[in-house]
């Protein structure tokens, strides 16, 4: 599905069924497409999908979107990885 992701409109992004969405497809989303993800979609992401979000794309997320991440998916070293991304966002 990766090849056609770039052509997805905002409404198509908001209708993605995240549990069936491939990690490679998450990685292929642009920054503006990442910003279109709903909080429900974000909370449904698994650790591999979360890890596939590029730092440049991660900074596009709103506070509500960031709060929607399921903390249980930040295990197996992903917490450190994401903490580094959050430090980039906050500048700390």
C-alpha atoms as a PDB file:
ATOM      1  CA  UNK A   1       0.000   0.000   0.000  1.00  0.00           C
ATOM      2  CA  UNK A   2       3.004   2.336   0.474  1.00  0.00           C
ATOM      3  CA  UNK A   3       3.083   3.472  -3.148  1.00  0.00           C
ATOM      4  CA  UNK A   4      -0.323   5.178  -2.968  1.00  0.00           C
ATOM      5  CA  UNK A   5      -0.098   6.629   0.556  1.00  0.00           C
ATOM      6  CA  UNK A   6       1.237   9.954  -0.709  1.00  0.00           C
ATOM      7  CA  UNK A   7      -1.995  10.556  -2.600  1.00  0.00           C
ATOM      8  CA  UNK A   8      -4.278  10.015   0.423  1.00  0.00           C
ATOM      9  CA  UNK A   9      -6.462  13.001   1.250  1.00  0.00           C
ATOM     10  CA  UNK A  10      -7.079  14.186   4.812  1.00  0.00           C
ATOM     11  CA  UNK A  11     -10.421  12.387   4.933  1.00  0.00           C
ATOM     12  CA  UNK A  12      -8.832   9.149   3.703  1.00  0.00           C
ATOM     13  CA  UNK A  13      -6.141   9.422   6.391  1.00  0.00           C
ATOM     14  CA  UNK A  14      -8.792   9.835   9.086  1.00  0.00           C
ATOM     15  CA  UNK A  15     -10.491   6.620   7.916  1.00  0.00           C
ATOM     16  CA  UNK A  16      -7.412   4.357   8.051  1.00  0.00           C
ATOM     17  CA  UNK A  17      -7.917   1.245  10.159  1.00  0.00           C
ATOM     18  CA  UNK A  18      -4.677   1.511  12.155  1.00  0.00           C
ATOM     19  CA  UNK A  19      -4.563  -2.071  13.506  1.00  0.00           C
ATOM     20  CA  UNK A  20      -4.403  -3.354   9.918  1.00  0.00           C
ATOM     21  CA  UNK A  21      -2.127  -0.570   8.637  1.00  0.00           C
ATOM     22  CA  UNK A  22       1.402  -1.771   7.866  1.00  0.00           C
ATOM     23  CA  UNK A  23       4.356  -0.231   9.681  1.00  0.00           C
ATOM     24  CA  UNK A  24       5.879   0.668   6.313  1.00  0.00           C
ATOM     25  CA  UNK A  25       2.702   2.574   5.491  1.00  0.00           C
ATOM     26  CA  UNK A  26       2.985   4.568   8.720  1.00  0.00           C
ATOM     27  CA  UNK A  27       6.588   5.392   7.819  1.00  0.00           C
ATOM     28  CA  UNK A  28       5.445   6.556   4.368  1.00  0.00           C
ATOM     29  CA  UNK A  29       2.977   9.112   5.743  1.00  0.00           C
ATOM     30  CA  UNK A  30       4.010  12.721   5.207  1.00  0.00           C
ATOM     31  CA  UNK A  31       4.137  15.270   8.018  1.00  0.00           C
ATOM     32  CA  UNK A  32       0.815  16.780   6.954  1.00  0.00           C
ATOM     33  CA  UNK A  33      -0.771  13.319   6.790  1.00  0.00           C
ATOM     34  CA  UNK A  34       0.506  12.461  10.277  1.00  0.00           C
ATOM     35  CA  UNK A  35      -1.200  15.604  11.541  1.00  0.00           C
ATOM     36  CA  UNK A  36      -4.515  14.309  10.148  1.00  0.00           C
ATOM     37  CA  UNK A  37      -4.483  11.141  12.279  1.00  0.00           C
ATOM     38  CA  UNK A  38      -7.264  11.087  14.839  1.00  0.00           C
ATOM     39  CA  UNK A  39      -6.620  10.526  18.531  1.00  0.00           C
ATOM     40  CA  UNK A  40      -8.433   7.186  18.202  1.00  0.00           C
ATOM     41  CA  UNK A  41      -6.079   6.125  15.439  1.00  0.00           C
ATOM     42  CA  UNK A  42      -3.047   7.176  17.456  1.00  0.00           C
ATOM     43  CA  UNK A  43      -4.196   5.331  20.562  1.00  0.00           C
ATOM     44  CA  UNK A  44      -4.596   2.177  18.447  1.00  0.00           C
ATOM     45  CA  UNK A  45      -0.986   2.261  17.188  1.00  0.00           C
ATOM     46  CA  UNK A  46       1.359  -0.518  18.248  1.00  0.00           C
ATOM     47  CA  UNK A  47       4.990   0.077  19.200  1.00  0.00           C
ATOM     48  CA  UNK A  48       6.309  -0.705  15.712  1.00  0.00           C
ATOM     49  CA  UNK A  49       3.928   1.783  14.138  1.00  0.00           C
ATOM     50  CA  UNK A  50       4.839   4.455  16.679  1.00  0.00           C
ATOM     51  CA  UNK A  51       8.526   3.827  16.063  1.00  0.00           C
ATOM     52  CA  UNK A  52       7.966   4.272  12.318  1.00  0.00           C
ATOM     53  CA  UNK A  53       6.929   7.905  12.754  1.00  0.00           C
ATOM     54  CA  UNK A  54       9.833  10.087  11.681  1.00  0.00           C
ATOM     55  CA  UNK A  55      11.034  12.821  14.033  1.00  0.00           C
ATOM     56  CA  UNK A  56      10.170  15.518  11.497  1.00  0.00           C
ATOM     57  CA  UNK A  57       6.663  14.087  11.285  1.00  0.00           C
ATOM     58  CA  UNK A  58       6.338  13.618  15.040  1.00  0.00           C
ATOM     59  CA  UNK A  59       6.694  17.352  15.631  1.00  0.00           C
ATOM     60  CA  UNK A  60       3.530  17.913  13.579  1.00  0.00           C
ATOM     61  CA  UNK A  61       1.399  16.235  16.250  1.00  0.00           C
ATOM     62  CA  UNK A  62      -0.786  18.326  18.500  1.00  0.00           C
ATOM     63  CA  UNK A  63      -0.790  17.997  22.272  1.00  0.00           C
ATOM     64  CA  UNK A  64      -4.041  16.017  22.103  1.00  0.00           C
ATOM     65  CA  UNK A  65      -2.509  13.619  19.596  1.00  0.00           C
ATOM     66  CA  UNK A  66       0.594  13.104  21.725  1.00  0.00           C
ATOM     67  CA  UNK A  67      -1.585  12.461  24.765  1.00  0.00           C
ATOM     68  CA  UNK A  68      -3.484   9.815  22.797  1.00  0.00           C
ATOM     69  CA  UNK A  69      -0.507   7.454  22.545  1.00  0.00           C
ATOM     70  CA  UNK A  70      -1.024   4.291  24.581  1.00  0.00           C
ATOM     71  CA  UNK A  71       1.840   4.291  27.113  1.00  0.00           C
ATOM     72  CA  UNK A  72       1.885   0.487  27.177  1.00  0.00           C
ATOM     73  CA  UNK A  73       3.216   0.605  23.616  1.00  0.00           C
ATOM     74  CA  UNK A  74       6.363   2.397  24.750  1.00  0.00           C
ATOM     75  CA  UNK A  75       8.108  -0.746  25.963  1.00  0.00           C
ATOM     76  CA  UNK A  76      11.121  -2.710  24.749  1.00  0.00           C
ATOM     77  CA  UNK A  77      13.319   0.344  24.378  1.00  0.00           C
ATOM     78  CA  UNK A  78      10.775   2.392  22.490  1.00  0.00           C
ATOM     79  CA  UNK A  79      10.382   4.732  25.455  1.00  0.00           C
ATOM     80  CA  UNK A  80      13.997   5.893  25.137  1.00  0.00           C
ATOM     81  CA  UNK A  81      13.559   6.301  21.382  1.00  0.00           C
ATOM     82  CA  UNK A  82      10.387   8.324  21.810  1.00  0.00           C
ATOM     83  CA  UNK A  83      11.835  10.320  24.715  1.00  0.00           C
ATOM     84  CA  UNK A  84      14.578  11.472  22.373  1.00  0.00           C
ATOM     85  CA  UNK A  85      11.952  12.504  19.840  1.00  0.00           C
ATOM     86  CA  UNK A  86      10.007  14.389  22.513  1.00  0.00           C
ATOM     87  CA  UNK A  87      13.172  16.196  23.559  1.00  0.00           C
ATOM     88  CA  UNK A  88      13.537  17.333  19.961  1.00  0.00           C
ATOM     89  CA  UNK A  89       9.952  18.610  20.043  1.00  0.00           C
ATOM     90  CA  UNK A  90      10.333  20.494  23.311  1.00  0.00           C
ATOM     91  CA  UNK A  91      13.916  21.575  22.719  1.00  0.00           C
ATOM     92  CA  UNK A  92      15.085  20.100  26.036  1.00  0.00           C
END
